[in-house]
Amino acid sequence: MTITFENVGRKYRKLITKIYDEALKETQNDHNLVWATITFVDKVRIAQLNKSFRNVDRATDVLSFPMLNIKYPQKLADFKRENEPDGSLYLGDVVICKKVAKEQAKQFGHSKKREVGFLALHGLLHLLGYDHIEEDDEKIMIATSKKILENLSITRGKQNV
């Protein structure tokens, strides 16, 4: 998977790349030419995006902007017609607010790095068609997130990541 990073530091790039590779494998969406964009923003910018796209007037932790109309349990292989001429498939954008991530990490008792990794994964799962509006869908998304993070030994608690 190729990830375009904007305003993302080196330590987070490595972590997110590892998580995204594992997520594609775990969700059976291992597609060599898949790509997405990850952007870190401040609270003001994420609040603006949240207001513009969700009509929610507050900062949030992560937003996803999918380019495909994929719905779980569909797979990326179902979207061959959307591939670019070179065979690549653009999933979309994930925007993370580092300040909110830092606040949540403190609240949940784990590292900021773990929280950023979780949020990046959450955003990717949305790009892959997962959702949490309905209770059954939320259970699937939570279980999938947990499995991916456990595969990488990224668990809650200060000692991890």
Protein backbone atom coordinates (compact mmCIF):
# COMPACT_ATOMS: atom_id res chain seq x y z
CA MET A 1 0.00 0.00 0.00
CA THR A 2 1.16 3.51 -0.74
CA ILE A 3 0.33 6.25 1.72
CA THR A 4 0.73 9.95 1.04
CA PHE A 5 1.47 11.68 4.33
CA GLU A 6 0.79 15.36 4.96
CA ASN A 7 2.09 16.98 8.18
CA VAL A 8 2.83 13.52 9.61
CA GLY A 9 6.10 12.92 11.47
CA ARG A 10 8.45 10.02 10.74
CA LYS A 11 7.55 7.99 13.86
CA TYR A 12 3.88 8.04 12.92
CA ARG A 13 4.53 7.23 9.26
CA LYS A 14 6.20 3.94 10.14
CA LEU A 15 3.45 3.01 12.61
CA ILE A 16 0.59 3.85 10.24
CA THR A 17 2.22 2.01 7.34
CA LYS A 18 2.60 -1.11 9.49
CA ILE A 19 -1.03 -0.90 10.66
CA TYR A 20 -2.38 -0.30 7.15
CA ASP A 21 -0.46 -3.23 5.69
CA GLU A 22 -1.80 -5.50 8.43
CA ALA A 23 -5.33 -4.15 8.01
CA LEU A 24 -5.39 -4.87 4.28
CA LYS A 25 -4.16 -8.39 4.94
CA GLU A 26 -6.59 -9.04 7.82
CA THR A 27 -9.60 -7.70 5.88
CA GLN A 28 -8.61 -9.71 2.78
CA ASN A 29 -8.08 -6.51 0.80
CA ASP A 30 -4.41 -7.04 0.03
CA HIS A 31 -4.08 -5.05 -3.17
CA ASN A 32 -0.55 -3.98 -4.07
CA LEU A 33 -1.51 -0.77 -5.80
CA VAL A 34 -3.88 0.67 -3.19
CA TRP A 35 -3.19 4.14 -1.88
CA ALA A 36 -4.61 6.69 0.54
CA THR A 37 -3.71 10.03 2.08
CA ILE A 38 -3.22 10.69 5.80
CA THR A 39 -3.18 14.27 7.05
CA PHE A 40 -2.60 15.60 10.56
CA VAL A 41 -4.40 18.85 11.36
CA ASP A 42 -5.07 21.09 14.35
CA LYS A 43 -8.37 21.43 16.22
CA VAL A 44 -9.49 24.47 14.25
CA ARG A 45 -9.08 22.71 10.89
CA ILE A 46 -10.74 19.46 11.94
CA ALA A 47 -13.65 21.43 13.42
CA GLN A 48 -14.02 23.26 10.08
CA LEU A 49 -14.01 19.96 8.18
CA ASN A 50 -16.44 18.40 10.64
CA LYS A 51 -18.81 21.35 10.24
CA SER A 52 -18.52 21.41 6.43
CA PHE A 53 -18.93 17.69 5.80
CA ARG A 54 -20.93 16.38 8.77
CA ASN A 55 -22.67 19.55 9.98
CA VAL A 56 -21.20 18.95 13.44
CA ASP A 57 -19.77 22.16 14.90
CA ARG A 58 -16.89 20.84 17.02
CA ALA A 59 -13.46 19.28 16.80
CA THR A 60 -13.29 15.51 16.42
CA ASP A 61 -10.51 12.94 16.44
CA VAL A 62 -10.63 11.49 12.92
CA LEU A 63 -12.53 12.00 9.69
CA SER A 64 -12.57 9.77 6.62
CA PHE A 65 -13.32 10.78 3.07
CA PRO A 66 -13.81 7.61 0.99
CA MET A 67 -13.39 7.71 -2.77
CA LEU A 68 -15.19 4.40 -3.33
CA ASN A 69 -18.78 3.56 -2.55
CA ILE A 70 -17.71 0.39 -0.80
CA LYS A 71 -19.88 -1.26 1.85
CA TYR A 72 -18.65 -4.02 4.12
CA PRO A 73 -18.38 -6.96 3.32
CA GLN A 74 -17.41 -5.89 -0.22
CA LYS A 75 -13.74 -6.21 -1.12
CA LEU A 76 -11.44 -3.98 -3.12
CA ALA A 77 -11.34 -6.64 -5.84
CA ASP A 78 -14.97 -5.69 -6.58
CA PHE A 79 -13.81 -2.24 -7.75
CA LYS A 80 -11.62 -3.10 -10.74
CA ARG A 81 -13.47 -0.60 -12.93
CA GLU A 82 -12.41 2.21 -10.58
CA ASN A 83 -8.72 1.37 -10.95
CA GLU A 84 -6.48 4.02 -12.48
CA PRO A 85 -4.82 3.13 -15.83
CA ASP A 86 -1.74 1.89 -13.91
CA GLY A 87 -3.95 -0.49 -11.89
CA SER A 88 -3.85 1.59 -8.71
CA LEU A 89 -6.93 2.18 -6.60
CA TYR A 90 -7.31 5.36 -4.53
CA LEU A 91 -9.22 4.69 -1.31
CA GLY A 92 -9.53 8.26 -0.03
CA ASP A 93 -8.33 10.54 2.74
CA VAL A 94 -8.03 10.20 6.51
CA VAL A 95 -7.64 13.35 8.61
CA ILE A 96 -6.48 13.09 12.23
CA CYS A 97 -6.33 15.79 14.88
CA LYS A 98 -3.17 15.16 16.91
CA LYS A 99 -4.34 17.39 19.78
CA VAL A 100 -7.56 15.41 20.21
CA ALA A 101 -5.56 12.18 19.91
CA LYS A 102 -3.27 13.39 22.70
CA GLU A 103 -6.25 14.24 24.93
CA GLN A 104 -7.87 10.86 24.28
CA ALA A 105 -4.64 8.97 24.91
CA LYS A 106 -4.41 10.59 28.33
CA GLN A 107 -8.08 9.87 29.01
CA PHE A 108 -7.72 6.19 28.01
CA GLY A 109 -4.36 5.69 29.74
CA HIS A 110 -2.19 4.79 26.79
CA SER A 111 0.39 6.45 24.57
CA LYS A 112 -0.37 9.11 21.97
CA LYS A 113 1.30 6.86 19.42
CA ARG A 114 -1.16 4.05 20.20
CA GLU A 115 -4.10 6.45 19.93
CA VAL A 116 -2.91 7.86 16.61
CA GLY A 117 -2.47 4.30 15.32
CA PHE A 118 -5.99 3.38 16.42
CA LEU A 119 -7.45 6.51 14.80
CA ALA A 120 -5.56 5.90 11.56
CA LEU A 121 -6.89 2.33 11.50
CA HIS A 122 -10.41 3.53 12.27
CA GLY A 123 -10.19 5.92 9.33
CA LEU A 124 -8.90 3.22 6.99
CA LEU A 125 -11.69 0.84 7.99
CA HIS A 126 -14.19 3.52 7.01
CA LEU A 127 -12.44 3.81 3.63
CA LEU A 128 -12.87 0.02 3.31
CA GLY A 129 -16.62 0.28 3.92
CA TYR A 130 -16.82 -0.49 7.63
CA ASP A 131 -19.17 1.61 9.74
CA HIS A 132 -20.52 1.90 13.27
CA ILE A 133 -23.92 3.51 12.87
CA GLU A 134 -25.82 0.26 13.43
CA GLU A 135 -24.96 -1.85 16.49
CA ASP A 136 -24.14 -5.00 14.48
CA ASP A 137 -21.84 -3.02 12.18
CA GLU A 138 -20.15 -1.41 15.17
CA LYS A 139 -19.42 -4.84 16.67
CA ILE A 140 -17.79 -5.96 13.41
CA MET A 141 -15.71 -2.79 13.17
CA ILE A 142 -14.57 -3.00 16.80
CA ALA A 143 -13.67 -6.70 16.51
CA THR A 144 -11.76 -6.06 13.28
CA SER A 145 -9.84 -3.14 14.83
CA LYS A 146 -9.01 -5.16 17.91
CA LYS A 147 -7.76 -8.13 15.88
CA ILE A 148 -5.51 -5.96 13.67
CA LEU A 149 -3.98 -4.11 16.62
CA GLU A 150 -3.50 -7.34 18.59
CA ASN A 151 -1.76 -8.92 15.57
CA LEU A 152 0.77 -6.08 15.86
CA SER A 153 0.91 -6.21 19.69
CA ILE A 154 -0.58 -2.73 19.91
CA THR A 155 -2.81 -2.84 22.94
CA ARG A 156 -4.14 -0.36 25.44
CA GLY A 157 -1.83 0.60 28.26
CA LYS A 158 1.16 2.90 28.64
CA GLN A 159 3.69 0.13 28.03
CA ASN A 160 2.52 -0.45 24.48
CA VAL A 161 3.73 1.35 21.33
